[in-house]
Amino acid sequence: MDKEMILKNYDDALWDLVIKGKSKRKARRILKNVFPEVEYDWKNDTYKIIKDMEGE
């Protein structure tokens, strides 16, 4: 998967959990296990890829 697709899937999964009643913080903690390569920057409220699991 490319980086844009990973971030889109992460964002979709985050909002699905929020809609189901989880807080954004709790949803991010759950998704950290599913998407270990995505890091949340709380200062800018953005997400980024911190490492590539395939070594690219």
N, C-alpha and C. Protein backbone atom coordinates (compact mmCIF):
# COMPACT_ATOMS: atom_id res chain seq x y z
N MET A 1 0.84 -1.19 0.00
CA MET A 1 0.00 0.00 0.00
C MET A 1 0.88 1.24 0.00
N ASP A 2 0.43 2.27 -0.69
CA ASP A 2 1.18 3.51 -0.67
C ASP A 2 0.77 4.34 0.56
N LYS A 3 1.56 5.35 0.82
CA LYS A 3 1.38 6.14 2.05
C LYS A 3 0.03 6.85 2.10
N GLU A 4 -0.41 7.38 0.97
CA GLU A 4 -1.70 8.08 0.95
C GLU A 4 -2.85 7.14 1.29
N MET A 5 -2.77 5.92 0.79
CA MET A 5 -3.82 4.94 1.04
C MET A 5 -3.84 4.52 2.52
N ILE A 6 -2.65 4.37 3.10
CA ILE A 6 -2.57 4.03 4.52
C ILE A 6 -3.21 5.13 5.36
N LEU A 7 -2.88 6.38 5.06
CA LEU A 7 -3.43 7.50 5.82
C LEU A 7 -4.94 7.62 5.63
N LYS A 8 -5.43 7.35 4.42
CA LYS A 8 -6.87 7.40 4.18
C LYS A 8 -7.58 6.29 4.96
N ASN A 9 -7.03 5.09 4.93
CA ASN A 9 -7.62 3.98 5.69
C ASN A 9 -7.61 4.27 7.18
N TYR A 10 -6.51 4.88 7.68
CA TYR A 10 -6.42 5.25 9.08
C TYR A 10 -7.50 6.25 9.44
N ASP A 11 -7.65 7.27 8.61
CA ASP A 11 -8.64 8.31 8.87
C ASP A 11 -10.06 7.74 8.84
N ASP A 12 -10.34 6.89 7.87
CA ASP A 12 -11.66 6.26 7.80
C ASP A 12 -11.94 5.40 9.04
N ALA A 13 -10.95 4.63 9.45
CA ALA A 13 -11.11 3.77 10.63
C ALA A 13 -11.29 4.61 11.90
N LEU A 14 -10.55 5.71 11.99
CA LEU A 14 -10.65 6.60 13.15
C LEU A 14 -12.07 7.14 13.28
N TRP A 15 -12.61 7.66 12.18
CA TRP A 15 -13.95 8.25 12.24
C TRP A 15 -15.03 7.20 12.41
N ASP A 16 -14.81 5.99 11.90
CA ASP A 16 -15.77 4.91 12.16
C ASP A 16 -15.86 4.62 13.66
N LEU A 17 -14.70 4.58 14.34
CA LEU A 17 -14.70 4.35 15.78
C LEU A 17 -15.34 5.50 16.54
N VAL A 18 -15.09 6.73 16.10
CA VAL A 18 -15.68 7.90 16.76
C VAL A 18 -17.20 7.88 16.61
N ILE A 19 -17.67 7.52 15.42
CA ILE A 19 -19.12 7.44 15.19
C ILE A 19 -19.75 6.36 16.06
N LYS A 20 -19.00 5.28 16.31
CA LYS A 20 -19.51 4.19 17.15
C LYS A 20 -19.46 4.51 18.64
N GLY A 21 -18.95 5.70 19.02
CA GLY A 21 -19.01 6.12 20.41
C GLY A 21 -17.68 6.22 21.14
N LYS A 22 -16.58 5.90 20.49
CA LYS A 22 -15.27 6.04 21.13
C LYS A 22 -14.81 7.49 21.04
N SER A 23 -14.03 7.92 22.00
CA SER A 23 -13.43 9.25 21.89
C SER A 23 -12.30 9.20 20.87
N LYS A 24 -11.90 10.35 20.37
CA LYS A 24 -10.81 10.37 19.39
C LYS A 24 -9.53 9.82 20.00
N ARG A 25 -9.29 10.12 21.27
CA ARG A 25 -8.09 9.63 21.94
C ARG A 25 -8.10 8.11 22.05
N LYS A 26 -9.23 7.55 22.48
CA LYS A 26 -9.34 6.10 22.61
C LYS A 26 -9.25 5.43 21.23
N ALA A 27 -9.86 6.03 20.23
CA ALA A 27 -9.80 5.48 18.87
C ALA A 27 -8.36 5.46 18.36
N ARG A 28 -7.60 6.53 18.61
CA ARG A 28 -6.20 6.56 18.18
C ARG A 28 -5.39 5.49 18.89
N ARG A 29 -5.68 5.23 20.17
CA ARG A 29 -4.96 4.18 20.91
C ARG A 29 -5.27 2.80 20.35
N ILE A 30 -6.52 2.57 19.94
CA ILE A 30 -6.89 1.29 19.34
C ILE A 30 -6.19 1.14 17.99
N LEU A 31 -6.20 2.19 17.19
CA LEU A 31 -5.62 2.12 15.85
C LEU A 31 -4.10 2.05 15.86
N LYS A 32 -3.47 2.42 16.96
CA LYS A 32 -2.02 2.34 17.05
C LYS A 32 -1.56 0.89 16.90
N ASN A 33 -2.38 -0.07 17.34
CA ASN A 33 -2.04 -1.47 17.19
C ASN A 33 -2.26 -1.96 15.76
N VAL A 34 -3.21 -1.36 15.07
CA VAL A 34 -3.54 -1.77 13.71
C VAL A 34 -2.62 -1.09 12.69
N PHE A 35 -2.32 0.18 12.92
CA PHE A 35 -1.47 0.97 12.03
C PHE A 35 -0.25 1.47 12.80
N PRO A 36 0.74 0.60 13.09
CA PRO A 36 1.89 1.04 13.90
C PRO A 36 2.78 2.06 13.19
N GLU A 37 2.66 2.17 11.86
CA GLU A 37 3.51 3.09 11.12
C GLU A 37 2.96 4.52 11.08
N VAL A 38 1.75 4.73 11.58
CA VAL A 38 1.13 6.06 11.56
C VAL A 38 1.30 6.71 12.93
N GLU A 39 1.76 7.96 12.90
CA GLU A 39 1.95 8.73 14.14
C GLU A 39 1.07 9.97 14.10
N TYR A 40 0.46 10.30 15.24
CA TYR A 40 -0.39 11.47 15.35
C TYR A 40 0.40 12.62 15.94
N ASP A 41 0.34 13.77 15.32
CA ASP A 41 0.98 14.99 15.84
C ASP A 41 -0.11 15.86 16.45
N TRP A 42 -0.20 15.85 17.77
CA TRP A 42 -1.29 16.54 18.46
C TRP A 42 -1.19 18.05 18.35
N LYS A 43 -0.01 18.59 18.11
CA LYS A 43 0.13 20.05 18.00
C LYS A 43 -0.56 20.57 16.74
N ASN A 44 -0.44 19.80 15.64
CA ASN A 44 -1.02 20.23 14.36
C ASN A 44 -2.29 19.47 14.01
N ASP A 45 -2.66 18.48 14.82
CA ASP A 45 -3.81 17.61 14.56
C ASP A 45 -3.67 16.95 13.19
N THR A 46 -2.48 16.40 12.92
CA THR A 46 -2.20 15.73 11.66
C THR A 46 -1.63 14.34 11.91
N TYR A 47 -1.64 13.52 10.87
CA TYR A 47 -1.09 12.18 10.92
C TYR A 47 0.04 12.08 9.92
N LYS A 48 1.05 11.25 10.22
CA LYS A 48 2.13 11.05 9.27
C LYS A 48 2.68 9.64 9.43
N ILE A 49 3.35 9.19 8.41
CA ILE A 49 3.99 7.88 8.43
C ILE A 49 5.37 8.05 9.06
N ILE A 50 5.65 7.29 10.14
CA ILE A 50 6.93 7.43 10.80
C ILE A 50 7.98 6.45 10.29
N LYS A 51 7.52 5.29 9.82
CA LYS A 51 8.45 4.34 9.24
C LYS A 51 7.71 3.47 8.24
N ASP A 52 8.41 3.00 7.28
CA ASP A 52 7.80 2.13 6.27
C ASP A 52 8.11 0.70 6.63
N MET A 53 7.09 -0.12 6.75
CA MET A 53 7.26 -1.50 7.18
C MET A 53 7.94 -2.35 6.12
N GLU A 54 7.93 -1.91 4.85
CA GLU A 54 8.55 -2.68 3.78
C GLU A 54 9.99 -2.26 3.51
N GLY A 55 10.49 -1.28 4.23
CA GLY A 55 11.88 -0.86 4.07
C GLY A 55 12.12 0.10 2.93
N GLU A 56 11.08 0.75 2.43
CA GLU A 56 11.25 1.71 1.33
C GLU A 56 11.77 3.01 1.83
